[in-house]
């Protein structure tokens, strides 16, 4: 969407929290700067305490864009926590539309222009779309296939797609600054699931959150089994916090991984101590994810297809274990920090 001579597009601030993102940071920022958007734009990168070349690359980007229409600037985030980085970047930015992007996310062409149009058309306070996982090697291709399949993530629209509609939350998001400032930004106690919590407050205040498949962000999967396991353990851990924070937010999709963990563990114990028939449960699970990996891996190299069941099992088991072991004390701490939704004075 390009501006016509009589249309003034709103200025946009793109905020990006980064930590150890040397592999993808330059590509992520380049995808922002290459957006075909005729409104004013700025990019604010919040730098966590990285141990790789992230800070060096960020400094290069600041220097390279110093004379450009869209400039890159950085702000420190000494805690390394995502919500603190987002709040710091919001504070350092100034424009009425705020686009959240991660350091390993690549915006599709037209993303910002389309999001601005959707904000106008729907009246939403936040719009977002599809987390489009794409890999760069066989393992990452396998993870991407798992993350975009229903056997991997259920019917989550921002993973698998779907019709444009009102949503509880969306991936990343393009916000009206007024909504962010009204709600006081992100709750920094939510190390994970901070998007859901903020969108919950926006919805409580009467705001609309809108999902559209027109919006797509290319996402790079975790590069190893260990990294994927940690990611999904954290997802499960914090989803249980959300369930305790907001009763009634849980559904069968979220209960499937912890149920599978319990069933498989019970099957192994029964199989080892009572009867070999107990092993039917873990065997059935392995058969199911193997069968489910076949359509998910269509078109991929053989080595990638063979790794899809490993990715699926890692995601399911780690998410389920994280959910089951999520400490009640963590939820109590987060609930104590609860920010009530701020209603408009109008």
C-alpha atoms as a PDB file:
ATOM      1  CA  UNK A   1       0.000   0.000   0.000  1.00  0.00           C
ATOM      2  CA  UNK A   2       1.564   3.268  -1.114  1.00  0.00           C
ATOM      3  CA  UNK A   3       0.355   6.694  -0.175  1.00  0.00           C
ATOM      4  CA  UNK A   4      -1.619   8.743  -2.676  1.00  0.00           C
ATOM      5  CA  UNK A   5      -0.852  12.468  -2.763  1.00  0.00           C
ATOM      6  CA  UNK A   6      -3.847  13.363  -0.548  1.00  0.00           C
ATOM      7  CA  UNK A   7      -3.378  10.621   2.037  1.00  0.00           C
ATOM      8  CA  UNK A   8      -1.115  11.099   5.034  1.00  0.00           C
ATOM      9  CA  UNK A   9      -0.082   7.730   6.426  1.00  0.00           C
ATOM     10  CA  UNK A  10       0.544   7.526  10.173  1.00  0.00           C
ATOM     11  CA  UNK A  11       4.141   7.392  11.354  1.00  0.00           C
ATOM     12  CA  UNK A  12       5.283   3.978  12.595  1.00  0.00           C
ATOM     13  CA  UNK A  13       7.689   2.893  15.345  1.00  0.00           C
ATOM     14  CA  UNK A  14       9.090  -0.626  15.004  1.00  0.00           C
ATOM     15  CA  UNK A  15      10.312  -2.077  18.309  1.00  0.00           C
ATOM     16  CA  UNK A  16      12.578  -5.121  18.539  1.00  0.00           C
ATOM     17  CA  UNK A  17      13.830  -6.910  21.682  1.00  0.00           C
ATOM     18  CA  UNK A  18      17.062  -8.802  20.998  1.00  0.00           C
ATOM     19  CA  UNK A  19      19.354 -11.150  22.879  1.00  0.00           C
ATOM     20  CA  UNK A  20      22.031 -13.236  21.143  1.00  0.00           C
ATOM     21  CA  UNK A  21      20.575 -12.630  17.691  1.00  0.00           C
ATOM     22  CA  UNK A  22      23.753 -12.266  15.606  1.00  0.00           C
ATOM     23  CA  UNK A  23      22.509 -14.911  13.201  1.00  0.00           C
ATOM     24  CA  UNK A  24      19.292 -13.143  12.199  1.00  0.00           C
ATOM     25  CA  UNK A  25      19.406  -9.505  13.379  1.00  0.00           C
ATOM     26  CA  UNK A  26      20.667  -7.929  10.151  1.00  0.00           C
ATOM     27  CA  UNK A  27      18.115  -9.797   8.035  1.00  0.00           C
ATOM     28  CA  UNK A  28      15.288  -8.914  10.442  1.00  0.00           C
ATOM     29  CA  UNK A  29      16.134  -5.197  10.378  1.00  0.00           C
ATOM     30  CA  UNK A  30      16.640  -5.223   6.608  1.00  0.00           C
ATOM     31  CA  UNK A  31      13.142  -6.642   6.133  1.00  0.00           C
ATOM     32  CA  UNK A  32      11.793  -3.690   8.126  1.00  0.00           C
ATOM     33  CA  UNK A  33      13.780  -1.052   6.247  1.00  0.00           C
ATOM     34  CA  UNK A  34      12.731  -2.567   2.902  1.00  0.00           C
ATOM     35  CA  UNK A  35       9.013  -2.276   3.657  1.00  0.00           C
ATOM     36  CA  UNK A  36       7.116  -0.310   1.007  1.00  0.00           C
ATOM     37  CA  UNK A  37       5.543   2.180   3.366  1.00  0.00           C
ATOM     38  CA  UNK A  38       5.387   5.882   2.618  1.00  0.00           C
ATOM     39  CA  UNK A  39       4.783   7.042   6.160  1.00  0.00           C
ATOM     40  CA  UNK A  40       7.565   8.087   8.515  1.00  0.00           C
ATOM     41  CA  UNK A  41       9.262   5.156  10.264  1.00  0.00           C
ATOM     42  CA  UNK A  42      11.780   4.504  13.030  1.00  0.00           C
ATOM     43  CA  UNK A  43      13.320   1.267  14.364  1.00  0.00           C
ATOM     44  CA  UNK A  44      14.196   0.900  18.042  1.00  0.00           C
ATOM     45  CA  UNK A  45      16.266  -2.138  19.029  1.00  0.00           C
ATOM     46  CA  UNK A  46      16.392  -3.003  22.748  1.00  0.00           C
ATOM     47  CA  UNK A  47      19.703  -4.713  23.474  1.00  0.00           C
ATOM     48  CA  UNK A  48      19.887  -7.415  26.129  1.00  0.00           C
ATOM     49  CA  UNK A  49      23.217  -8.644  27.575  1.00  0.00           C
ATOM     50  CA  UNK A  50      24.217 -10.714  24.545  1.00  0.00           C
ATOM     51  CA  UNK A  51      27.324 -12.880  24.499  1.00  0.00           C
ATOM     52  CA  UNK A  52      27.665 -12.937  20.716  1.00  0.00           C
ATOM     53  CA  UNK A  53      28.055 -10.184  18.085  1.00  0.00           C
ATOM     54  CA  UNK A  54      24.526  -8.819  18.442  1.00  0.00           C
ATOM     55  CA  UNK A  55      25.605  -5.452  19.888  1.00  0.00           C
ATOM     56  CA  UNK A  56      28.285  -5.027  17.218  1.00  0.00           C
ATOM     57  CA  UNK A  57      25.807  -5.718  14.419  1.00  0.00           C
ATOM     58  CA  UNK A  58      23.286  -3.338  15.982  1.00  0.00           C
ATOM     59  CA  UNK A  59      25.921  -0.599  16.112  1.00  0.00           C
ATOM     60  CA  UNK A  60      26.675  -1.189  12.436  1.00  0.00           C
ATOM     61  CA  UNK A  61      22.985  -0.838  11.579  1.00  0.00           C
ATOM     62  CA  UNK A  62      22.745   2.429  13.526  1.00  0.00           C
ATOM     63  CA  UNK A  63      25.732   3.839  11.613  1.00  0.00           C
ATOM     64  CA  UNK A  64      24.507   2.595   8.244  1.00  0.00           C
ATOM     65  CA  UNK A  65      21.053   4.184   8.620  1.00  0.00           C
ATOM     66  CA  UNK A  66      22.136   7.469  10.222  1.00  0.00           C
ATOM     67  CA  UNK A  67      21.255   9.514   7.132  1.00  0.00           C
ATOM     68  CA  UNK A  68      18.234   7.492   6.045  1.00  0.00           C
ATOM     69  CA  UNK A  69      14.546   8.271   6.223  1.00  0.00           C
ATOM     70  CA  UNK A  70      14.100   5.257   8.504  1.00  0.00           C
ATOM     71  CA  UNK A  71      16.808   5.222  11.158  1.00  0.00           C
ATOM     72  CA  UNK A  72      17.807   2.501  13.594  1.00  0.00           C
ATOM     73  CA  UNK A  73      18.483   3.414  17.215  1.00  0.00           C
ATOM     74  CA  UNK A  74      19.224   1.251  20.244  1.00  0.00           C
ATOM     75  CA  UNK A  75      18.285   1.286  23.920  1.00  0.00           C
ATOM     76  CA  UNK A  76      19.743  -0.869  26.701  1.00  0.00           C
ATOM     77  CA  UNK A  77      17.851  -3.727  28.336  1.00  0.00           C
ATOM     78  CA  UNK A  78      20.180  -4.905  31.116  1.00  0.00           C
ATOM     79  CA  UNK A  79      17.689  -7.468  32.456  1.00  0.00           C
ATOM     80  CA  UNK A  80      17.552  -9.360  29.158  1.00  0.00           C
ATOM     81  CA  UNK A  81      13.844  -9.947  29.724  1.00  0.00           C
ATOM     82  CA  UNK A  82      11.558  -9.533  26.741  1.00  0.00           C
ATOM     83  CA  UNK A  83       8.798  -7.442  28.387  1.00  0.00           C
ATOM     84  CA  UNK A  84      11.362  -5.056  29.882  1.00  0.00           C
ATOM     85  CA  UNK A  85      12.955  -4.699  26.431  1.00  0.00           C
ATOM     86  CA  UNK A  86       9.599  -3.970  24.851  1.00  0.00           C
ATOM     87  CA  UNK A  87       8.730  -1.329  27.433  1.00  0.00           C
ATOM     88  CA  UNK A  88      12.137   0.319  27.022  1.00  0.00           C
ATOM     89  CA  UNK A  89      11.729   0.412  23.251  1.00  0.00           C
ATOM     90  CA  UNK A  90       8.184   1.785  23.503  1.00  0.00           C
ATOM     91  CA  UNK A  91       9.415   4.545  25.823  1.00  0.00           C
ATOM     92  CA  UNK A  92      12.247   5.445  23.420  1.00  0.00           C
ATOM     93  CA  UNK A  93       9.941   5.517  20.385  1.00  0.00           C
ATOM     94  CA  UNK A  94       7.490   8.245  19.466  1.00  0.00           C
ATOM     95  CA  UNK A  95       5.081   7.366  16.651  1.00  0.00           C
ATOM     96  CA  UNK A  96       1.328   6.597  16.922  1.00  0.00           C
ATOM     97  CA  UNK A  97       1.581   3.056  15.472  1.00  0.00           C
ATOM     98  CA  UNK A  98       3.873   0.542  17.206  1.00  0.00           C
ATOM     99  CA  UNK A  99       4.982  -2.601  15.366  1.00  0.00           C
ATOM    100  CA  UNK A 100       6.506  -5.391  17.442  1.00  0.00           C
ATOM    101  CA  UNK A 101       9.118  -7.543  15.683  1.00  0.00           C
ATOM    102  CA  UNK A 102      11.505 -10.130  17.158  1.00  0.00           C
ATOM    103  CA  UNK A 103      15.188 -10.396  16.322  1.00  0.00           C
ATOM    104  CA  UNK A 104      14.621 -13.680  14.472  1.00  0.00           C
ATOM    105  CA  UNK A 105      11.449 -12.573  12.674  1.00  0.00           C
ATOM    106  CA  UNK A 106      11.334 -11.475   9.022  1.00  0.00           C
ATOM    107  CA  UNK A 107       8.382  -9.287   8.024  1.00  0.00           C
ATOM    108  CA  UNK A 108       6.711 -10.195   4.748  1.00  0.00           C
ATOM    109  CA  UNK A 109       6.537  -7.535   2.055  1.00  0.00           C
ATOM    110  CA  UNK A 110       3.685  -5.130   2.699  1.00  0.00           C
ATOM    111  CA  UNK A 111       3.327  -6.199   6.336  1.00  0.00           C
ATOM    112  CA  UNK A 112       3.376  -2.720   7.864  1.00  0.00           C
ATOM    113  CA  UNK A 113       1.166  -1.139   5.202  1.00  0.00           C
ATOM    114  CA  UNK A 114      -1.359  -3.961   5.488  1.00  0.00           C
ATOM    115  CA  UNK A 115      -1.395  -3.756   9.292  1.00  0.00           C
ATOM    116  CA  UNK A 116      -1.992  -0.003   9.233  1.00  0.00           C
ATOM    117  CA  UNK A 117      -4.858  -0.530   6.788  1.00  0.00           C
ATOM    118  CA  UNK A 118      -6.389  -3.245   8.982  1.00  0.00           C
ATOM    119  CA  UNK A 119      -6.191  -1.044  12.073  1.00  0.00           C
ATOM    120  CA  UNK A 120      -8.171   1.576  10.181  1.00  0.00           C
ATOM    121  CA  UNK A 121     -10.680  -0.855   8.662  1.00  0.00           C
ATOM    122  CA  UNK A 122     -11.412  -2.843  11.832  1.00  0.00           C
ATOM    123  CA  UNK A 123     -10.968  -0.202  14.511  1.00  0.00           C
ATOM    124  CA  UNK A 124      -8.818  -2.724  16.402  1.00  0.00           C
ATOM    125  CA  UNK A 125      -6.258  -1.750  19.014  1.00  0.00           C
ATOM    126  CA  UNK A 126      -3.903  -4.520  17.884  1.00  0.00           C
ATOM    127  CA  UNK A 127      -3.681  -6.611  14.725  1.00  0.00           C
ATOM    128  CA  UNK A 128      -1.462  -9.594  14.000  1.00  0.00           C
ATOM    129  CA  UNK A 129      -1.166 -12.613  11.770  1.00  0.00           C
ATOM    130  CA  UNK A 130       0.717 -15.810  11.066  1.00  0.00           C
ATOM    131  CA  UNK A 131       3.952 -16.985  12.660  1.00  0.00           C
ATOM    132  CA  UNK A 132       5.313 -18.599   9.498  1.00  0.00           C
ATOM    133  CA  UNK A 133       8.096 -20.945  10.564  1.00  0.00           C
ATOM    134  CA  UNK A 134      10.805 -21.583   7.963  1.00  0.00           C
ATOM    135  CA  UNK A 135      14.089 -23.402   8.458  1.00  0.00           C
ATOM    136  CA  UNK A 136      17.547 -23.095   6.980  1.00  0.00           C
ATOM    137  CA  UNK A 137      18.699 -26.710   7.471  1.00  0.00           C
ATOM    138  CA  UNK A 138      17.125 -30.156   7.814  1.00  0.00           C
ATOM    139  CA  UNK A 139      16.478 -29.907  11.562  1.00  0.00           C
ATOM    140  CA  UNK A 140      14.942 -26.446  11.282  1.00  0.00           C
ATOM    141  CA  UNK A 141      12.821 -27.584   8.319  1.00  0.00           C
ATOM    142  CA  UNK A 142      11.540 -30.423  10.524  1.00  0.00           C
ATOM    143  CA  UNK A 143      10.714 -28.068  13.387  1.00  0.00           C
ATOM    144  CA  UNK A 144       9.012 -25.631  11.015  1.00  0.00           C
ATOM    145  CA  UNK A 145       6.859 -28.448   9.635  1.00  0.00           C
ATOM    146  CA  UNK A 146       5.928 -29.498  13.174  1.00  0.00           C
ATOM    147  CA  UNK A 147       5.133 -25.921  14.203  1.00  0.00           C
ATOM    148  CA  UNK A 148       2.801 -25.342  11.265  1.00  0.00           C
ATOM    149  CA  UNK A 149       0.903 -28.641  11.524  1.00  0.00           C
ATOM    150  CA  UNK A 150      -2.238 -29.314  13.545  1.00  0.00           C
ATOM    151  CA  UNK A 151      -0.679 -32.412  15.098  1.00  0.00           C
ATOM    152  CA  UNK A 152       2.087 -30.153  16.366  1.00  0.00           C
ATOM    153  CA  UNK A 153       0.177 -27.096  17.623  1.00  0.00           C
ATOM    154  CA  UNK A 154      -3.510 -27.943  17.359  1.00  0.00           C
ATOM    155  CA  UNK A 155      -5.802 -25.381  15.734  1.00  0.00           C
ATOM    156  CA  UNK A 156      -3.882 -22.239  16.722  1.00  0.00           C
ATOM    157  CA  UNK A 157      -4.683 -19.805  13.899  1.00  0.00           C
ATOM    158  CA  UNK A 158      -1.437 -17.858  14.182  1.00  0.00           C
ATOM    159  CA  UNK A 159       0.461 -21.098  13.490  1.00  0.00           C
ATOM    160  CA  UNK A 160      -1.765 -22.820  10.946  1.00  0.00           C
ATOM    161  CA  UNK A 161      -3.762 -19.955   9.431  1.00  0.00           C
ATOM    162  CA  UNK A 162      -7.481 -19.316   9.282  1.00  0.00           C
ATOM    163  CA  UNK A 163     -10.079 -16.686   8.517  1.00  0.00           C
ATOM    164  CA  UNK A 164      -9.685 -13.071   9.592  1.00  0.00           C
ATOM    165  CA  UNK A 165     -11.489 -12.680  12.896  1.00  0.00           C
ATOM    166  CA  UNK A 166     -11.537 -11.286  16.400  1.00  0.00           C
ATOM    167  CA  UNK A 167      -8.937 -13.039  18.582  1.00  0.00           C
ATOM    168  CA  UNK A 168      -7.830 -13.388  22.200  1.00  0.00           C
ATOM    169  CA  UNK A 169      -4.241 -12.667  21.244  1.00  0.00           C
ATOM    170  CA  UNK A 170      -2.074 -12.511  18.121  1.00  0.00           C
ATOM    171  CA  UNK A 171       1.545 -13.156  17.188  1.00  0.00           C
ATOM    172  CA  UNK A 172       3.727 -10.101  17.899  1.00  0.00           C
ATOM    173  CA  UNK A 173       1.220  -7.405  16.975  1.00  0.00           C
ATOM    174  CA  UNK A 174       0.815  -3.939  15.498  1.00  0.00           C
ATOM    175  CA  UNK A 175      -0.651  -1.620  18.122  1.00  0.00           C
ATOM    176  CA  UNK A 176      -2.111   1.801  18.461  1.00  0.00           C
ATOM    177  CA  UNK A 177       0.275   3.598  20.806  1.00  0.00           C
ATOM    178  CA  UNK A 178      -2.697   5.032  22.674  1.00  0.00           C
ATOM    179  CA  UNK A 179      -3.738   1.505  23.710  1.00  0.00           C
ATOM    180  CA  UNK A 180      -0.228   0.643  24.914  1.00  0.00           C
ATOM    181  CA  UNK A 181       0.074   3.847  26.911  1.00  0.00           C
ATOM    182  CA  UNK A 182      -3.422   3.508  28.329  1.00  0.00           C
ATOM    183  CA  UNK A 183      -2.570   0.050  29.706  1.00  0.00           C
ATOM    184  CA  UNK A 184       0.921   1.046  30.900  1.00  0.00           C
ATOM    185  CA  UNK A 185       2.733  -1.279  28.499  1.00  0.00           C
ATOM    186  CA  UNK A 186       3.713  -4.864  29.192  1.00  0.00           C
ATOM    187  CA  UNK A 187       3.617  -6.483  32.632  1.00  0.00           C
ATOM    188  CA  UNK A 188       7.305  -7.247  33.210  1.00  0.00           C
ATOM    189  CA  UNK A 189       6.549 -10.153  35.553  1.00  0.00           C
ATOM    190  CA  UNK A 190       5.385 -12.109  32.506  1.00  0.00           C
ATOM    191  CA  UNK A 191       8.750 -13.322  31.222  1.00  0.00           C
ATOM    192  CA  UNK A 192       6.729 -15.378  28.729  1.00  0.00           C
ATOM    193  CA  UNK A 193       3.105 -14.926  27.599  1.00  0.00           C
ATOM    194  CA  UNK A 194       3.420 -11.156  28.007  1.00  0.00           C
ATOM    195  CA  UNK A 195       1.544 -10.669  24.703  1.00  0.00           C
ATOM    196  CA  UNK A 196      -1.442 -12.640  25.952  1.00  0.00           C
ATOM    197  CA  UNK A 197      -1.538 -10.714  29.238  1.00  0.00           C
ATOM    198  CA  UNK A 198      -1.395  -7.297  27.556  1.00  0.00           C
ATOM    199  CA  UNK A 199      -4.023  -8.264  25.000  1.00  0.00           C
ATOM    200  CA  UNK A 200      -6.187  -9.543  27.857  1.00  0.00           C
ATOM    201  CA  UNK A 201      -6.119  -6.080  29.458  1.00  0.00           C
ATOM    202  CA  UNK A 202      -6.808  -4.380  26.138  1.00  0.00           C
ATOM    203  CA  UNK A 203      -9.833  -6.645  25.625  1.00  0.00           C
ATOM    204  CA  UNK A 204     -11.029  -6.063  29.190  1.00  0.00           C
ATOM    205  CA  UNK A 205     -10.960  -2.338  28.453  1.00  0.00           C
ATOM    206  CA  UNK A 206     -13.219  -2.905  25.446  1.00  0.00           C
ATOM    207  CA  UNK A 207     -10.544  -2.972  22.748  1.00  0.00           C
ATOM    208  CA  UNK A 208     -10.551  -5.293  19.749  1.00  0.00           C
ATOM    209  CA  UNK A 209      -7.700  -7.696  18.944  1.00  0.00           C
ATOM    210  CA  UNK A 210      -7.781  -8.781  15.295  1.00  0.00           C
ATOM    211  CA  UNK A 211      -6.164 -11.738  13.524  1.00  0.00           C
ATOM    212  CA  UNK A 212      -5.628 -11.633   9.770  1.00  0.00           C
ATOM    213  CA  UNK A 213      -3.884 -14.193   7.547  1.00  0.00           C
ATOM    214  CA  UNK A 214      -2.809 -11.259   5.367  1.00  0.00           C
ATOM    215  CA  UNK A 215      -0.103 -10.565   7.933  1.00  0.00           C
ATOM    216  CA  UNK A 216       2.801 -12.982   7.908  1.00  0.00           C
ATOM    217  CA  UNK A 217       6.113 -13.002   9.772  1.00  0.00           C
ATOM    218  CA  UNK A 218       8.796 -15.479   8.807  1.00  0.00           C
ATOM    219  CA  UNK A 219      10.088 -17.173  11.953  1.00  0.00           C
ATOM    220  CA  UNK A 220      13.351 -19.081  12.385  1.00  0.00           C
ATOM    221  CA  UNK A 221      12.976 -22.200  14.590  1.00  0.00           C
ATOM    222  CA  UNK A 222      15.341 -23.087  17.412  1.00  0.00           C
ATOM    223  CA  UNK A 223      18.551 -24.658  16.047  1.00  0.00           C
ATOM    224  CA  UNK A 224      18.769 -27.758  18.291  1.00  0.00           C
ATOM    225  CA  UNK A 225      16.689 -30.276  20.231  1.00  0.00           C
ATOM    226  CA  UNK A 226      17.922 -28.761  23.504  1.00  0.00           C
ATOM    227  CA  UNK A 227      16.943 -25.223  22.499  1.00  0.00           C
ATOM    228  CA  UNK A 228      13.533 -26.370  21.236  1.00  0.00           C
ATOM    229  CA  UNK A 229      12.911 -28.310  24.463  1.00  0.00           C
ATOM    230  CA  UNK A 230      13.707 -25.255  26.590  1.00  0.00           C
ATOM    231  CA  UNK A 231      11.474 -23.054  24.449  1.00  0.00           C
ATOM    232  CA  UNK A 232       8.487 -25.383  24.757  1.00  0.00           C
ATOM    233  CA  UNK A 233       9.067 -26.107  28.428  1.00  0.00           C
ATOM    234  CA  UNK A 234       8.879 -22.360  29.018  1.00  0.00           C
ATOM    235  CA  UNK A 235       5.718 -22.159  26.897  1.00  0.00           C
ATOM    236  CA  UNK A 236       4.040 -24.853  28.999  1.00  0.00           C
ATOM    237  CA  UNK A 237       5.268 -23.379  32.277  1.00  0.00           C
ATOM    238  CA  UNK A 238       3.873 -19.950  31.475  1.00  0.00           C
ATOM    239  CA  UNK A 239       0.636 -21.246  29.954  1.00  0.00           C
ATOM    240  CA  UNK A 240      -0.142 -22.764  33.350  1.00  0.00           C
ATOM    241  CA  UNK A 241       0.611 -19.394  34.928  1.00  0.00           C
ATOM    242  CA  UNK A 242      -1.882 -17.842  32.513  1.00  0.00           C
ATOM    243  CA  UNK A 243      -4.475 -20.490  33.410  1.00  0.00           C
ATOM    244  CA  UNK A 244      -4.075 -19.646  37.090  1.00  0.00           C
ATOM    245  CA  UNK A 245      -4.016 -15.924  36.354  1.00  0.00           C
ATOM    246  CA  UNK A 246      -7.203 -16.045  34.318  1.00  0.00           C
ATOM    247  CA  UNK A 247      -9.566 -18.895  35.206  1.00  0.00           C
ATOM    248  CA  UNK A 248     -11.496 -20.131  32.222  1.00  0.00           C
ATOM    249  CA  UNK A 249      -8.708 -19.490  29.714  1.00  0.00           C
ATOM    250  CA  UNK A 250      -7.689 -23.152  29.475  1.00  0.00           C
ATOM    251  CA  UNK A 251      -9.056 -25.515  26.823  1.00  0.00           C
ATOM    252  CA  UNK A 252      -8.532 -29.063  25.565  1.00  0.00           C
ATOM    253  CA  UNK A 253      -5.736 -28.010  23.203  1.00  0.00           C
ATOM    254  CA  UNK A 254      -3.655 -26.814  26.153  1.00  0.00           C
ATOM    255  CA  UNK A 255      -4.433 -29.915  28.227  1.00  0.00           C
ATOM    256  CA  UNK A 256      -3.383 -32.379  25.509  1.00  0.00           C
ATOM    257  CA  UNK A 257       0.424 -32.226  26.092  1.00  0.00           C
ATOM    258  CA  UNK A 258       0.339 -32.658  29.905  1.00  0.00           C
ATOM    259  CA  UNK A 259      -2.209 -35.448  29.484  1.00  0.00           C
ATOM    260  CA  UNK A 260       0.100 -37.167  26.991  1.00  0.00           C
ATOM    261  CA  UNK A 261       3.078 -36.856  29.363  1.00  0.00           C
ATOM    262  CA  UNK A 262       1.110 -38.435  32.209  1.00  0.00           C
ATOM    263  CA  UNK A 263      -0.311 -41.195  30.021  1.00  0.00           C
ATOM    264  CA  UNK A 264       3.067 -42.111  28.538  1.00  0.00           C
ATOM    265  CA  UNK A 265       4.774 -42.089  31.937  1.00  0.00           C
ATOM    266  CA  UNK A 266       2.015 -44.285  33.380  1.00  0.00           C
ATOM    267  CA  UNK A 267       2.240 -46.647  30.396  1.00  0.00           C
ATOM    268  CA  UNK A 268       5.983 -47.061  30.817  1.00  0.00           C
ATOM    269  CA  UNK A 269       5.646 -47.759  34.562  1.00  0.00           C
ATOM    270  CA  UNK A 270       2.835 -50.263  34.040  1.00  0.00           C
ATOM    271  CA  UNK A 271       4.717 -51.876  31.173  1.00  0.00           C
ATOM    272  CA  UNK A 272       7.884 -52.243  33.217  1.00  0.00           C
ATOM    273  CA  UNK A 273       6.317 -53.345  36.519  1.00  0.00           C
ATOM    274  CA  UNK A 274       2.944 -54.938  35.763  1.00  0.00           C
ATOM    275  CA  UNK A 275       2.277 -56.012  32.193  1.00  0.00           C
ATOM    276  CA  UNK A 276       3.859 -55.381  28.785  1.00  0.00           C
ATOM    277  CA  UNK A 277       0.469 -54.127  27.638  1.00  0.00           C
ATOM    278  CA  UNK A 278       1.343 -50.848  29.352  1.00  0.00           C
ATOM    279  CA  UNK A 279       3.775 -50.111  26.549  1.00  0.00           C
ATOM    280  CA  UNK A 280       0.815 -49.839  24.169  1.00  0.00           C
ATOM    281  CA  UNK A 281       0.355 -46.192  25.279  1.00  0.00           C
ATOM    282  CA  UNK A 282       3.842 -44.863  24.416  1.00  0.00           C
ATOM    283  CA  UNK A 283       3.890 -47.063  21.312  1.00  0.00           C
ATOM    284  CA  UNK A 284       0.557 -45.635  20.226  1.00  0.00           C
ATOM    285  CA  UNK A 285       1.842 -42.092  20.734  1.00  0.00           C
ATOM    286  CA  UNK A 286       4.949 -42.800  18.653  1.00  0.00           C
ATOM    287  CA  UNK A 287       2.814 -44.327  15.908  1.00  0.00           C
ATOM    288  CA  UNK A 288       0.524 -41.281  15.931  1.00  0.00           C
ATOM    289  CA  UNK A 289       3.279 -38.692  15.595  1.00  0.00           C
ATOM    290  CA  UNK A 290       5.028 -40.769  12.952  1.00  0.00           C
ATOM    291  CA  UNK A 291       1.837 -40.973  10.913  1.00  0.00           C
ATOM    292  CA  UNK A 292       1.150 -37.275  11.489  1.00  0.00           C
ATOM    293  CA  UNK A 293       4.610 -36.344  10.294  1.00  0.00           C
ATOM    294  CA  UNK A 294       3.957 -37.748   6.829  1.00  0.00           C
ATOM    295  CA  UNK A 295       1.623 -35.003   5.573  1.00  0.00           C
ATOM    296  CA  UNK A 296       3.523 -32.379   7.584  1.00  0.00           C
ATOM    297  CA  UNK A 297       6.776 -33.237   5.808  1.00  0.00           C
ATOM    298  CA  UNK A 298       5.437 -33.290   2.275  1.00  0.00           C
ATOM    299  CA  UNK A 299       7.995 -31.823  -0.114  1.00  0.00           C
ATOM    300  CA  UNK A 300      10.879 -31.817   2.374  1.00  0.00           C
ATOM    301  CA  UNK A 301      14.165 -33.732   2.003  1.00  0.00           C
ATOM    302  CA  UNK A 302      14.200 -37.230   3.511  1.00  0.00           C
ATOM    303  CA  UNK A 303      16.548 -36.238   6.350  1.00  0.00           C
ATOM    304  CA  UNK A 304      14.192 -33.448   7.379  1.00  0.00           C
ATOM    305  CA  UNK A 305      11.119 -35.685   7.195  1.00  0.00           C
ATOM    306  CA  UNK A 306      12.778 -38.274   9.429  1.00  0.00           C
ATOM    307  CA  UNK A 307      13.348 -35.642  12.116  1.00  0.00           C
ATOM    308  CA  UNK A 308       9.755 -34.377  12.278  1.00  0.00           C
ATOM    309  CA  UNK A 309       8.660 -37.026  14.851  1.00  0.00           C
ATOM    310  CA  UNK A 310      11.616 -35.974  17.035  1.00  0.00           C
ATOM    311  CA  UNK A 311      10.529 -32.339  16.793  1.00  0.00           C
ATOM    312  CA  UNK A 312       6.903 -33.238  17.557  1.00  0.00           C
ATOM    313  CA  UNK A 313       7.818 -35.347  20.574  1.00  0.00           C
ATOM    314  CA  UNK A 314      10.165 -32.643  21.872  1.00  0.00           C
ATOM    315  CA  UNK A 315       7.470 -29.992  21.565  1.00  0.00           C
ATOM    316  CA  UNK A 316       4.699 -32.078  23.128  1.00  0.00           C
ATOM    317  CA  UNK A 317       6.696 -33.589  25.976  1.00  0.00           C
ATOM    318  CA  UNK A 318       8.527 -30.362  26.876  1.00  0.00           C
ATOM    319  CA  UNK A 319       5.347 -28.285  26.798  1.00  0.00           C
ATOM    320  CA  UNK A 320       3.500 -30.866  28.879  1.00  0.00           C
ATOM    321  CA  UNK A 321       6.334 -31.179  31.413  1.00  0.00           C
ATOM    322  CA  UNK A 322       6.587 -27.414  31.721  1.00  0.00           C
ATOM    323  CA  UNK A 323       2.842 -27.179  32.330  1.00  0.00           C
ATOM    324  CA  UNK A 324       2.857 -29.933  34.949  1.00  0.00           C
ATOM    325  CA  UNK A 325       5.858 -28.568  36.854  1.00  0.00           C
ATOM    326  CA  UNK A 326       4.916 -24.885  36.714  1.00  0.00           C
ATOM    327  CA  UNK A 327       5.181 -23.761  40.367  1.00  0.00           C
ATOM    328  CA  UNK A 328       2.110 -22.282  41.990  1.00  0.00           C
ATOM    329  CA  UNK A 329       4.411 -19.733  43.650  1.00  0.00           C
ATOM    330  CA  UNK A 330       5.250 -18.293  40.225  1.00  0.00           C
ATOM    331  CA  UNK A 331       1.573 -17.827  39.445  1.00  0.00           C
ATOM    332  CA  UNK A 332       1.003 -16.194  42.847  1.00  0.00           C
ATOM    333  CA  UNK A 333       3.841 -13.750  42.174  1.00  0.00           C
ATOM    334  CA  UNK A 334       2.429 -12.881  38.778  1.00  0.00           C
ATOM    335  CA  UNK A 335      -1.136 -12.596  40.077  1.00  0.00           C
ATOM    336  CA  UNK A 336       0.117 -10.213  42.777  1.00  0.00           C
ATOM    337  CA  UNK A 337       1.457  -7.983  39.997  1.00  0.00           C
ATOM    338  CA  UNK A 338      -1.887  -7.973  38.195  1.00  0.00           C
ATOM    339  CA  UNK A 339      -2.651  -4.701  36.491  1.00  0.00           C
ATOM    340  CA  UNK A 340      -6.351  -3.997  36.127  1.00  0.00           C
ATOM    341  CA  UNK A 341      -7.409  -2.951  32.674  1.00  0.00           C
ATOM    342  CA  UNK A 342      -7.511   0.830  32.334  1.00  0.00           C
ATOM    343  CA  UNK A 343     -10.775   2.030  30.820  1.00  0.00           C
ATOM    344  CA  UNK A 344     -10.964   5.027  28.565  1.00  0.00           C
ATOM    345  CA  UNK A 345     -12.232   8.176  30.224  1.00  0.00           C
ATOM    346  CA  UNK A 346     -14.314   8.926  27.177  1.00  0.00           C
END
